[in-house]
Amino acid sequence: ARDMVRIAINAPSSAAGTLSVYDVAGRLVSRETTVLQRGSNVLFLRSLPAASGVYFVHVTAPSGEARGRLLVIR
């Protein structure tokens, strides 16, 4: 990713959620709150980390959690 990331996620129910980004040392880089609708959702991560590297993305909601990796290239 260079400018923005689009994250597709399916939610079993509508609820508030949190989109968090961590660096490889486990430090929180950014956190955004979002509202997930039941079914397919597309989340946009616009505040990418300033440094190139591998980051971990966590989406959490009362109904569950999803995790993934993100490679930022500057």
PDB file of N, CA and C in Angstrom:
ATOM      1  N   ALA A   1       0.839  -1.178   0.000  1.00  0.00           N
ATOM      2  CA  ALA A   1       0.000   0.000   0.000  1.00  0.00           C
ATOM      3  C   ALA A   1       0.880   1.235   0.000  1.00  0.00           C
ATOM      4  N   ARG A   2       0.390   2.271  -0.602  1.00  0.00           N
ATOM      5  CA  ARG A   2       1.121   3.541  -0.617  1.00  0.00           C
ATOM      6  C   ARG A   2       0.295   4.674  -0.038  1.00  0.00           C
ATOM      7  N   ASP A   3      -0.982   4.780  -0.399  1.00  0.00           N
ATOM      8  CA  ASP A   3      -1.792   5.920   0.018  1.00  0.00           C
ATOM      9  C   ASP A   3      -2.965   5.537   0.908  1.00  0.00           C
ATOM     10  N   MET A   4      -3.673   4.494   0.528  1.00  0.00           N
ATOM     11  CA  MET A   4      -4.890   4.108   1.225  1.00  0.00           C
ATOM     12  C   MET A   4      -5.082   2.607   1.066  1.00  0.00           C
ATOM     13  N   VAL A   5      -5.729   1.999   2.047  1.00  0.00           N
ATOM     14  CA  VAL A   5      -5.992   0.562   2.007  1.00  0.00           C
ATOM     15  C   VAL A   5      -7.494   0.339   2.106  1.00  0.00           C
ATOM     16  N   ARG A   6      -7.989  -0.559   1.283  1.00  0.00           N
ATOM     17  CA  ARG A   6      -9.390  -0.955   1.336  1.00  0.00           C
ATOM     18  C   ARG A   6      -9.437  -2.360   1.927  1.00  0.00           C
ATOM     19  N   ILE A   7     -10.236  -2.534   2.984  1.00  0.00           N
ATOM     20  CA  ILE A   7     -10.345  -3.816   3.680  1.00  0.00           C
ATOM     21  C   ILE A   7     -11.776  -4.313   3.558  1.00  0.00           C
ATOM     22  N   ALA A   8     -11.949  -5.489   2.986  1.00  0.00           N
ATOM     23  CA  ALA A   8     -13.274  -6.104   2.858  1.00  0.00           C
ATOM     24  C   ALA A   8     -13.460  -7.087   4.008  1.00  0.00           C
ATOM     25  N   ILE A   9     -14.613  -7.015   4.652  1.00  0.00           N
ATOM     26  CA  ILE A   9     -14.880  -7.887   5.797  1.00  0.00           C
ATOM     27  C   ILE A   9     -16.372  -8.198   5.849  1.00  0.00           C
ATOM     28  N   ASN A  10     -16.690  -9.423   6.242  1.00  0.00           N
ATOM     29  CA  ASN A  10     -18.087  -9.830   6.435  1.00  0.00           C
ATOM     30  C   ASN A  10     -18.373  -9.848   7.925  1.00  0.00           C
ATOM     31  N   ALA A  11     -19.495  -9.270   8.313  1.00  0.00           N
ATOM     32  CA  ALA A  11     -19.891  -9.230   9.719  1.00  0.00           C
ATOM     33  C   ALA A  11     -21.187 -10.020   9.897  1.00  0.00           C
ATOM     34  N   PRO A  12     -21.258 -10.856  10.935  1.00  0.00           N
ATOM     35  CA  PRO A  12     -22.474 -11.635  11.160  1.00  0.00           C
ATOM     36  C   PRO A  12     -23.643 -10.801  11.673  1.00  0.00           C
ATOM     37  N   SER A  13     -23.340  -9.615  12.244  1.00  0.00           N
ATOM     38  CA  SER A  13     -24.400  -8.732  12.742  1.00  0.00           C
ATOM     39  C   SER A  13     -23.905  -7.289  12.712  1.00  0.00           C
ATOM     40  N   SER A  14     -24.820  -6.357  12.790  1.00  0.00           N
ATOM     41  CA  SER A  14     -24.467  -4.941  12.823  1.00  0.00           C
ATOM     42  C   SER A  14     -23.946  -4.579  14.212  1.00  0.00           C
ATOM     43  N   ALA A  15     -22.841  -3.826  14.248  1.00  0.00           N
ATOM     44  CA  ALA A  15     -22.257  -3.427  15.531  1.00  0.00           C
ATOM     45  C   ALA A  15     -21.149  -2.421  15.303  1.00  0.00           C
ATOM     46  N   ALA A  16     -20.777  -1.743  16.373  1.00  0.00           N
ATOM     47  CA  ALA A  16     -19.616  -0.864  16.326  1.00  0.00           C
ATOM     48  C   ALA A  16     -18.365  -1.728  16.337  1.00  0.00           C
ATOM     49  N   GLY A  17     -17.336  -1.285  15.651  1.00  0.00           N
ATOM     50  CA  GLY A  17     -16.094  -2.043  15.595  1.00  0.00           C
ATOM     51  C   GLY A  17     -14.897  -1.122  15.691  1.00  0.00           C
ATOM     52  N   THR A  18     -13.725  -1.727  15.804  1.00  0.00           N
ATOM     53  CA  THR A  18     -12.475  -0.985  15.894  1.00  0.00           C
ATOM     54  C   THR A  18     -11.486  -1.547  14.882  1.00  0.00           C
ATOM     55  N   LEU A  19     -10.860  -0.667  14.134  1.00  0.00           N
ATOM     56  CA  LEU A  19      -9.819  -1.021  13.173  1.00  0.00           C
ATOM     57  C   LEU A  19      -8.496  -0.529  13.747  1.00  0.00           C
ATOM     58  N   SER A  20      -7.609  -1.455  14.116  1.00  0.00           N
ATOM     59  CA  SER A  20      -6.335  -1.113  14.745  1.00  0.00           C
ATOM     60  C   SER A  20      -5.181  -1.593  13.885  1.00  0.00           C
ATOM     61  N   VAL A  21      -4.087  -0.831  13.886  1.00  0.00           N
ATOM     62  CA  VAL A  21      -2.883  -1.184  13.148  1.00  0.00           C
ATOM     63  C   VAL A  21      -1.725  -1.214  14.142  1.00  0.00           C
ATOM     64  N   TYR A  22      -0.945  -2.309  14.108  1.00  0.00           N
ATOM     65  CA  TYR A  22       0.194  -2.501  14.997  1.00  0.00           C
ATOM     66  C   TYR A  22       1.460  -2.700  14.180  1.00  0.00           C
ATOM     67  N   ASP A  23       2.596  -2.260  14.712  1.00  0.00           N
ATOM     68  CA  ASP A  23       3.864  -2.532  14.043  1.00  0.00           C
ATOM     69  C   ASP A  23       4.364  -3.906  14.472  1.00  0.00           C
ATOM     70  N   VAL A  24       5.510  -4.330  13.956  1.00  0.00           N
ATOM     71  CA  VAL A  24       6.011  -5.679  14.232  1.00  0.00           C
ATOM     72  C   VAL A  24       6.419  -5.863  15.693  1.00  0.00           C
ATOM     73  N   ALA A  25       6.646  -4.763  16.415  1.00  0.00           N
ATOM     74  CA  ALA A  25       6.987  -4.847  17.838  1.00  0.00           C
ATOM     75  C   ALA A  25       5.735  -4.903  18.712  1.00  0.00           C
ATOM     76  N   GLY A  26       4.554  -4.834  18.089  1.00  0.00           N
ATOM     77  CA  GLY A  26       3.308  -4.901  18.842  1.00  0.00           C
ATOM     78  C   GLY A  26       2.795  -3.559  19.326  1.00  0.00           C
ATOM     79  N   ARG A  27       3.426  -2.463  18.902  1.00  0.00           N
ATOM     80  CA  ARG A  27       2.982  -1.126  19.312  1.00  0.00           C
ATOM     81  C   ARG A  27       1.819  -0.669  18.440  1.00  0.00           C
ATOM     82  N   LEU A  28       0.840  -0.062  19.078  1.00  0.00           N
ATOM     83  CA  LEU A  28      -0.312   0.472  18.365  1.00  0.00           C
ATOM     84  C   LEU A  28       0.120   1.669  17.529  1.00  0.00           C
ATOM     85  N   VAL A  29      -0.152   1.640  16.226  1.00  0.00           N
ATOM     86  CA  VAL A  29       0.206   2.716  15.317  1.00  0.00           C
ATOM     87  C   VAL A  29      -0.985   3.616  15.054  1.00  0.00           C
ATOM     88  N   SER A  30      -2.170   3.029  14.869  1.00  0.00           N
ATOM     89  CA  SER A  30      -3.385   3.816  14.674  1.00  0.00           C
ATOM     90  C   SER A  30      -4.600   2.996  15.089  1.00  0.00           C
ATOM     91  N   ARG A  31      -5.660   3.715  15.432  1.00  0.00           N
ATOM     92  CA  ARG A  31      -6.918   3.066  15.807  1.00  0.00           C
ATOM     93  C   ARG A  31      -8.063   3.953  15.330  1.00  0.00           C
ATOM     94  N   GLU A  32      -9.019   3.327  14.663  1.00  0.00           N
ATOM     95  CA  GLU A  32     -10.202   4.032  14.172  1.00  0.00           C
ATOM     96  C   GLU A  32     -11.434   3.241  14.582  1.00  0.00           C
ATOM     97  N   THR A  33     -12.486   3.937  14.959  1.00  0.00           N
ATOM     98  CA  THR A  33     -13.750   3.260  15.229  1.00  0.00           C
ATOM     99  C   THR A  33     -14.583   3.283  13.956  1.00  0.00           C
ATOM    100  N   THR A  34     -15.415   2.277  13.806  1.00  0.00           N
ATOM    101  CA  THR A  34     -16.237   2.150  12.609  1.00  0.00           C
ATOM    102  C   THR A  34     -17.547   1.469  12.972  1.00  0.00           C
ATOM    103  N   VAL A  35     -18.495   1.538  12.086  1.00  0.00           N
ATOM    104  CA  VAL A  35     -19.761   0.834  12.261  1.00  0.00           C
ATOM    105  C   VAL A  35     -19.840  -0.237  11.189  1.00  0.00           C
ATOM    106  N   LEU A  36     -19.966  -1.482  11.611  1.00  0.00           N
ATOM    107  CA  LEU A  36     -20.088  -2.607  10.688  1.00  0.00           C
ATOM    108  C   LEU A  36     -21.557  -2.955  10.514  1.00  0.00           C
ATOM    109  N   GLN A  37     -21.970  -3.133   9.280  1.00  0.00           N
ATOM    110  CA  GLN A  37     -23.323  -3.576   8.976  1.00  0.00           C
ATOM    111  C   GLN A  37     -23.310  -5.083   8.777  1.00  0.00           C
ATOM    112  N   ARG A  38     -24.421  -5.720   9.025  1.00  0.00           N
ATOM    113  CA  ARG A  38     -24.503  -7.163   8.793  1.00  0.00           C
ATOM    114  C   ARG A  38     -24.233  -7.445   7.322  1.00  0.00           C
ATOM    115  N   GLY A  39     -23.349  -8.415   7.061  1.00  0.00           N
ATOM    116  CA  GLY A  39     -23.002  -8.765   5.694  1.00  0.00           C
ATOM    117  C   GLY A  39     -21.672  -8.166   5.288  1.00  0.00           C
ATOM    118  N   SER A  40     -21.542  -7.861   4.010  1.00  0.00           N
ATOM    119  CA  SER A  40     -20.279  -7.347   3.460  1.00  0.00           C
ATOM    120  C   SER A  40     -20.057  -5.889   3.825  1.00  0.00           C
ATOM    121  N   ASN A  41     -18.832  -5.574   4.210  1.00  0.00           N
ATOM    122  CA  ASN A  41     -18.426  -4.212   4.547  1.00  0.00           C
ATOM    123  C   ASN A  41     -17.098  -3.928   3.872  1.00  0.00           C
ATOM    124  N   VAL A  42     -16.880  -2.671   3.524  1.00  0.00           N
ATOM    125  CA  VAL A  42     -15.595  -2.226   3.013  1.00  0.00           C
ATOM    126  C   VAL A  42     -15.124  -1.095   3.925  1.00  0.00           C
ATOM    127  N   LEU A  43     -13.955  -1.295   4.551  1.00  0.00           N
ATOM    128  CA  LEU A  43     -13.370  -0.293   5.428  1.00  0.00           C
ATOM    129  C   LEU A  43     -12.187   0.341   4.717  1.00  0.00           C
ATOM    130  N   PHE A  44     -12.002   1.622   4.908  1.00  0.00           N
ATOM    131  CA  PHE A  44     -10.880   2.330   4.297  1.00  0.00           C
ATOM    132  C   PHE A  44      -9.937   2.799   5.390  1.00  0.00           C
ATOM    133  N   LEU A  45      -8.682   2.429   5.259  1.00  0.00           N
ATOM    134  CA  LEU A  45      -7.639   2.863   6.180  1.00  0.00           C
ATOM    135  C   LEU A  45      -6.857   3.952   5.463  1.00  0.00           C
ATOM    136  N   ARG A  46      -7.113   5.192   5.847  1.00  0.00           N
ATOM    137  CA  ARG A  46      -6.501   6.334   5.163  1.00  0.00           C
ATOM    138  C   ARG A  46      -5.255   6.841   5.869  1.00  0.00           C
ATOM    139  N   SER A  47      -5.132   6.559   7.153  1.00  0.00           N
ATOM    140  CA  SER A  47      -3.969   7.039   7.915  1.00  0.00           C
ATOM    141  C   SER A  47      -2.920   5.933   7.999  1.00  0.00           C
ATOM    142  N   LEU A  48      -2.206   5.724   6.900  1.00  0.00           N
ATOM    143  CA  LEU A  48      -1.168   4.690   6.858  1.00  0.00           C
ATOM    144  C   LEU A  48       0.054   5.142   7.647  1.00  0.00           C
ATOM    145  N   PRO A  49       0.790   4.195   8.209  1.00  0.00           N
ATOM    146  CA  PRO A  49       2.019   4.539   8.928  1.00  0.00           C
ATOM    147  C   PRO A  49       3.005   5.281   8.029  1.00  0.00           C
ATOM    148  N   ALA A  50       3.805   6.161   8.618  1.00  0.00           N
ATOM    149  CA  ALA A  50       4.752   6.980   7.860  1.00  0.00           C
ATOM    150  C   ALA A  50       5.944   6.174   7.351  1.00  0.00           C
ATOM    151  N   ALA A  51       6.309   5.130   8.061  1.00  0.00           N
ATOM    152  CA  ALA A  51       7.491   4.343   7.690  1.00  0.00           C
ATOM    153  C   ALA A  51       7.102   3.097   6.893  1.00  0.00           C
ATOM    154  N   SER A  52       7.940   2.728   5.948  1.00  0.00           N
ATOM    155  CA  SER A  52       7.748   1.476   5.210  1.00  0.00           C
ATOM    156  C   SER A  52       7.916   0.304   6.166  1.00  0.00           C
ATOM    157  N   GLY A  53       7.235  -0.795   5.875  1.00  0.00           N
ATOM    158  CA  GLY A  53       7.398  -1.985   6.685  1.00  0.00           C
ATOM    159  C   GLY A  53       6.143  -2.834   6.726  1.00  0.00           C
ATOM    160  N   VAL A  54       6.200  -3.880   7.535  1.00  0.00           N
ATOM    161  CA  VAL A  54       5.077  -4.802   7.708  1.00  0.00           C
ATOM    162  C   VAL A  54       4.305  -4.379   8.950  1.00  0.00           C
ATOM    163  N   TYR A  55       2.991  -4.341   8.827  1.00  0.00           N
ATOM    164  CA  TYR A  55       2.113  -3.975   9.930  1.00  0.00           C
ATOM    165  C   TYR A  55       1.008  -5.021  10.026  1.00  0.00           C
ATOM    166  N   PHE A  56       0.367  -5.073  11.172  1.00  0.00           N
ATOM    167  CA  PHE A  56      -0.711  -6.023  11.407  1.00  0.00           C
ATOM    168  C   PHE A  56      -2.001  -5.257  11.646  1.00  0.00           C
ATOM    169  N   VAL A  57      -3.053  -5.674  10.947  1.00  0.00           N
ATOM    170  CA  VAL A  57      -4.351  -5.019  11.026  1.00  0.00           C
ATOM    171  C   VAL A  57      -5.304  -5.925  11.791  1.00  0.00           C
ATOM    172  N   HIS A  58      -5.996  -5.364  12.783  1.00  0.00           N
ATOM    173  CA  HIS A  58      -6.996  -6.100  13.558  1.00  0.00           C
ATOM    174  C   HIS A  58      -8.319  -5.354  13.464  1.00  0.00           C
ATOM    175  N   VAL A  59      -9.360  -6.056  13.110  1.00  0.00           N
ATOM    176  CA  VAL A  59     -10.710  -5.511  13.146  1.00  0.00           C
ATOM    177  C   VAL A  59     -11.450  -6.283  14.228  1.00  0.00           C
ATOM    178  N   THR A  60     -11.932  -5.576  15.243  1.00  0.00           N
ATOM    179  CA  THR A  60     -12.639  -6.228  16.341  1.00  0.00           C
ATOM    180  C   THR A  60     -14.042  -5.657  16.464  1.00  0.00           C
ATOM    181  N   ALA A  61     -14.960  -6.526  16.812  1.00  0.00           N
ATOM    182  CA  ALA A  61     -16.362  -6.173  17.050  1.00  0.00           C
ATOM    183  C   ALA A  61     -16.897  -7.154  18.082  1.00  0.00           C
ATOM    184  N   PRO A  62     -18.037  -6.870  18.693  1.00  0.00           N
ATOM    185  CA  PRO A  62     -18.586  -7.807  19.679  1.00  0.00           C
ATOM    186  C   PRO A  62     -18.808  -9.214  19.125  1.00  0.00           C
ATOM    187  N   SER A  63     -19.041  -9.325  17.818  1.00  0.00           N
ATOM    188  CA  SER A  63     -19.324 -10.638  17.224  1.00  0.00           C
ATOM    189  C   SER A  63     -18.066 -11.407  16.817  1.00  0.00           C
ATOM    190  N   GLY A  64     -16.886 -10.769  16.889  1.00  0.00           N
ATOM    191  CA  GLY A  64     -15.676 -11.493  16.516  1.00  0.00           C
ATOM    192  C   GLY A  64     -14.521 -10.583  16.155  1.00  0.00           C
ATOM    193  N   GLU A  65     -13.514 -11.200  15.552  1.00  0.00           N
ATOM    194  CA  GLU A  65     -12.272 -10.503  15.245  1.00  0.00           C
ATOM    195  C   GLU A  65     -11.702 -11.018  13.935  1.00  0.00           C
ATOM    196  N   ALA A  66     -11.055 -10.133  13.186  1.00  0.00           N
ATOM    197  CA  ALA A  66     -10.362 -10.522  11.953  1.00  0.00           C
ATOM    198  C   ALA A  66      -8.980  -9.890  11.989  1.00  0.00           C
ATOM    199  N   ARG A  67      -7.987 -10.612  11.463  1.00  0.00           N
ATOM    200  CA  ARG A  67      -6.602 -10.135  11.457  1.00  0.00           C
ATOM    201  C   ARG A  67      -5.995 -10.297  10.085  1.00  0.00           C
ATOM    202  N   GLY A  68      -5.039  -9.429   9.778  1.00  0.00           N
ATOM    203  CA  GLY A  68      -4.343  -9.528   8.509  1.00  0.00           C
ATOM    204  C   GLY A  68      -3.034  -8.767   8.557  1.00  0.00           C
ATOM    205  N   ARG A  69      -2.238  -8.913   7.505  1.00  0.00           N
ATOM    206  CA  ARG A  69      -0.959  -8.212   7.398  1.00  0.00           C
ATOM    207  C   ARG A  69      -1.059  -7.135   6.338  1.00  0.00           C
ATOM    208  N   LEU A  70      -0.259  -6.098   6.514  1.00  0.00           N
ATOM    209  CA  LEU A  70      -0.239  -4.968   5.612  1.00  0.00           C
ATOM    210  C   LEU A  70       1.209  -4.597   5.346  1.00  0.00           C
ATOM    211  N   LEU A  71       1.575  -4.446   4.087  1.00  0.00           N
ATOM    212  CA  LEU A  71       2.906  -4.023   3.704  1.00  0.00           C
ATOM    213  C   LEU A  71       2.807  -2.585   3.192  1.00  0.00           C
ATOM    214  N   VAL A  72       3.497  -1.673   3.872  1.00  0.00           N
ATOM    215  CA  VAL A  72       3.505  -0.263   3.472  1.00  0.00           C
ATOM    216  C   VAL A  72       4.816   0.007   2.764  1.00  0.00           C
ATOM    217  N   ILE A  73       4.723   0.610   1.561  1.00  0.00           N
ATOM    218  CA  ILE A  73       5.894   0.949   0.763  1.00  0.00           C
ATOM    219  C   ILE A  73       5.893   2.455   0.555  1.00  0.00           C
ATOM    220  N   ARG A  74       6.950   3.086   0.977  1.00  0.00           N
ATOM    221  CA  ARG A  74       7.065   4.537   0.818  1.00  0.00           C
ATOM    222  C   ARG A  74       8.110   4.878  -0.191  1.00  0.00           C
TER     223      ARG A  74
END
